[in-house]
């Protein structure tokens, strides 16, 4: 059972890293939107390409408010924080239980 325990620990660490990195990418996208960066820059295109699918889903339910105030990045960051504080400890706990 220690193999499954080690796998769950590794999976929890990987999920934590991916969620943390994605949160920083979202913060980078917010900063890019403030400075009006070149939309043809490959880095800017990459950031838009990996954040747009989730942000568009959130925008379907929560519209952009007057003055162009978009709460979708903040809601996505809160969802990531929730997943990091619920999913990652749950996986670590399962690993300890099996090990």
C-alpha atoms as a PDB file:
ATOM      1  CA  UNK A   1       0.000   0.000   0.000  1.00  0.00           C
ATOM      2  CA  UNK A   2       2.968   2.330   0.373  1.00  0.00           C
ATOM      3  CA  UNK A   3       3.109   2.690  -3.432  1.00  0.00           C
ATOM      4  CA  UNK A   4      -0.417   4.086  -3.534  1.00  0.00           C
ATOM      5  CA  UNK A   5       0.397   6.292  -0.556  1.00  0.00           C
ATOM      6  CA  UNK A   6       3.472   7.693  -2.305  1.00  0.00           C
ATOM      7  CA  UNK A   7       1.472   8.170  -5.492  1.00  0.00           C
ATOM      8  CA  UNK A   8      -1.212  10.159  -3.649  1.00  0.00           C
ATOM      9  CA  UNK A   9       1.422  12.317  -1.954  1.00  0.00           C
ATOM     10  CA  UNK A  10       3.071  13.010  -5.294  1.00  0.00           C
ATOM     11  CA  UNK A  11      -0.305  13.743  -6.887  1.00  0.00           C
ATOM     12  CA  UNK A  12      -1.183  16.166  -4.080  1.00  0.00           C
ATOM     13  CA  UNK A  13       2.125  17.985  -4.529  1.00  0.00           C
ATOM     14  CA  UNK A  14       1.650  18.163  -8.286  1.00  0.00           C
ATOM     15  CA  UNK A  15      -1.909  19.479  -7.967  1.00  0.00           C
ATOM     16  CA  UNK A  16      -0.729  22.079  -5.469  1.00  0.00           C
ATOM     17  CA  UNK A  17       2.058  23.214  -7.823  1.00  0.00           C
ATOM     18  CA  UNK A  18      -0.198  23.391 -10.897  1.00  0.00           C
ATOM     19  CA  UNK A  19      -2.878  25.342  -9.051  1.00  0.00           C
ATOM     20  CA  UNK A  20      -0.286  27.755  -7.646  1.00  0.00           C
ATOM     21  CA  UNK A  21       1.277  28.309 -11.065  1.00  0.00           C
ATOM     22  CA  UNK A  22      -2.131  28.855 -12.674  1.00  0.00           C
ATOM     23  CA  UNK A  23      -3.021  31.399  -9.999  1.00  0.00           C
ATOM     24  CA  UNK A  24       0.144  33.355 -10.822  1.00  0.00           C
ATOM     25  CA  UNK A  25      -0.683  33.191 -14.529  1.00  0.00           C
ATOM     26  CA  UNK A  26      -4.099  34.700 -13.776  1.00  0.00           C
ATOM     27  CA  UNK A  27      -2.446  37.470 -11.753  1.00  0.00           C
ATOM     28  CA  UNK A  28      -0.113  38.057 -14.700  1.00  0.00           C
ATOM     29  CA  UNK A  29      -3.095  38.321 -17.028  1.00  0.00           C
ATOM     30  CA  UNK A  30      -4.689  40.936 -14.779  1.00  0.00           C
ATOM     31  CA  UNK A  31      -1.477  42.969 -14.782  1.00  0.00           C
ATOM     32  CA  UNK A  32      -1.201  42.635 -18.570  1.00  0.00           C
ATOM     33  CA  UNK A  33      -4.740  43.960 -18.940  1.00  0.00           C
ATOM     34  CA  UNK A  34      -3.810  47.018 -16.882  1.00  0.00           C
ATOM     35  CA  UNK A  35      -0.708  47.910 -18.910  1.00  0.00           C
ATOM     36  CA  UNK A  36      -2.304  47.226 -22.314  1.00  0.00           C
ATOM     37  CA  UNK A  37       0.441  44.940 -23.618  1.00  0.00           C
ATOM     38  CA  UNK A  38       0.912  44.015 -27.271  1.00  0.00           C
ATOM     39  CA  UNK A  39      -1.730  41.345 -28.070  1.00  0.00           C
ATOM     40  CA  UNK A  40       0.543  39.789 -30.726  1.00  0.00           C
ATOM     41  CA  UNK A  41       3.330  39.052 -28.261  1.00  0.00           C
ATOM     42  CA  UNK A  42       3.678  35.245 -27.961  1.00  0.00           C
ATOM     43  CA  UNK A  43       3.804  35.361 -24.161  1.00  0.00           C
ATOM     44  CA  UNK A  44       0.658  37.478 -23.988  1.00  0.00           C
ATOM     45  CA  UNK A  45      -1.090  35.149 -26.462  1.00  0.00           C
ATOM     46  CA  UNK A  46      -0.067  32.115 -24.368  1.00  0.00           C
ATOM     47  CA  UNK A  47      -1.412  33.689 -21.173  1.00  0.00           C
ATOM     48  CA  UNK A  48      -4.696  34.601 -22.874  1.00  0.00           C
ATOM     49  CA  UNK A  49      -4.998  31.137 -24.431  1.00  0.00           C
ATOM     50  CA  UNK A  50      -4.645  29.274 -21.137  1.00  0.00           C
ATOM     51  CA  UNK A  51      -6.813  31.616 -19.042  1.00  0.00           C
ATOM     52  CA  UNK A  52      -9.645  32.478 -21.449  1.00  0.00           C
ATOM     53  CA  UNK A  53     -11.538  29.163 -21.310  1.00  0.00           C
ATOM     54  CA  UNK A  54     -12.158  29.303 -17.553  1.00  0.00           C
ATOM     55  CA  UNK A  55     -12.634  33.063 -17.398  1.00  0.00           C
ATOM     56  CA  UNK A  56     -15.221  32.929 -20.211  1.00  0.00           C
ATOM     57  CA  UNK A  57     -17.204  30.292 -18.312  1.00  0.00           C
ATOM     58  CA  UNK A  58     -17.296  32.513 -15.242  1.00  0.00           C
ATOM     59  CA  UNK A  59     -18.263  35.563 -17.333  1.00  0.00           C
ATOM     60  CA  UNK A  60     -21.322  33.697 -18.632  1.00  0.00           C
ATOM     61  CA  UNK A  61     -22.747  33.723 -15.108  1.00  0.00           C
ATOM     62  CA  UNK A  62     -21.259  36.937 -13.733  1.00  0.00           C
ATOM     63  CA  UNK A  63     -21.300  39.802 -16.224  1.00  0.00           C
ATOM     64  CA  UNK A  64     -18.781  42.631 -16.408  1.00  0.00           C
ATOM     65  CA  UNK A  65     -20.063  45.515 -14.299  1.00  0.00           C
ATOM     66  CA  UNK A  66     -20.296  49.183 -15.257  1.00  0.00           C
ATOM     67  CA  UNK A  67     -16.992  50.819 -16.076  1.00  0.00           C
ATOM     68  CA  UNK A  68     -15.478  47.550 -17.290  1.00  0.00           C
ATOM     69  CA  UNK A  69     -15.011  46.014 -13.842  1.00  0.00           C
ATOM     70  CA  UNK A  70     -14.414  42.280 -14.335  1.00  0.00           C
ATOM     71  CA  UNK A  71     -14.634  40.079 -11.254  1.00  0.00           C
ATOM     72  CA  UNK A  72     -13.991  36.795 -13.081  1.00  0.00           C
ATOM     73  CA  UNK A  73     -10.220  36.645 -12.294  1.00  0.00           C
ATOM     74  CA  UNK A  74     -10.917  37.222  -8.607  1.00  0.00           C
ATOM     75  CA  UNK A  75     -13.593  34.514  -8.553  1.00  0.00           C
ATOM     76  CA  UNK A  76     -11.246  32.085 -10.317  1.00  0.00           C
ATOM     77  CA  UNK A  77      -8.451  32.842  -7.845  1.00  0.00           C
ATOM     78  CA  UNK A  78     -10.854  32.232  -4.946  1.00  0.00           C
ATOM     79  CA  UNK A  79     -11.847  28.900  -6.504  1.00  0.00           C
ATOM     80  CA  UNK A  80      -8.161  27.953  -6.817  1.00  0.00           C
ATOM     81  CA  UNK A  81      -7.543  28.884  -3.181  1.00  0.00           C
ATOM     82  CA  UNK A  82     -10.515  26.720  -2.187  1.00  0.00           C
ATOM     83  CA  UNK A  83      -9.181  23.767  -4.183  1.00  0.00           C
ATOM     84  CA  UNK A  84      -5.707  24.185  -2.708  1.00  0.00           C
ATOM     85  CA  UNK A  85      -7.077  24.214   0.829  1.00  0.00           C
ATOM     86  CA  UNK A  86      -9.559  21.356   0.307  1.00  0.00           C
ATOM     87  CA  UNK A  87      -8.257  18.988  -2.365  1.00  0.00           C
ATOM     88  CA  UNK A  88      -4.546  18.968  -1.530  1.00  0.00           C
ATOM     89  CA  UNK A  89      -4.952  18.248   2.220  1.00  0.00           C
ATOM     90  CA  UNK A  90      -7.555  15.591   1.399  1.00  0.00           C
ATOM     91  CA  UNK A  91      -5.115  13.797  -0.896  1.00  0.00           C
ATOM     92  CA  UNK A  92      -2.359  14.032   1.729  1.00  0.00           C
ATOM     93  CA  UNK A  93      -4.729  12.644   4.372  1.00  0.00           C
ATOM     94  CA  UNK A  94      -5.674   9.698   2.148  1.00  0.00           C
ATOM     95  CA  UNK A  95      -1.978   9.030   1.588  1.00  0.00           C
ATOM     96  CA  UNK A  96      -1.329   9.000   5.349  1.00  0.00           C
ATOM     97  CA  UNK A  97      -4.304   6.696   5.904  1.00  0.00           C
ATOM     98  CA  UNK A  98      -3.035   4.201   3.325  1.00  0.00           C
ATOM     99  CA  UNK A  99       0.586   4.411   4.401  1.00  0.00           C
END
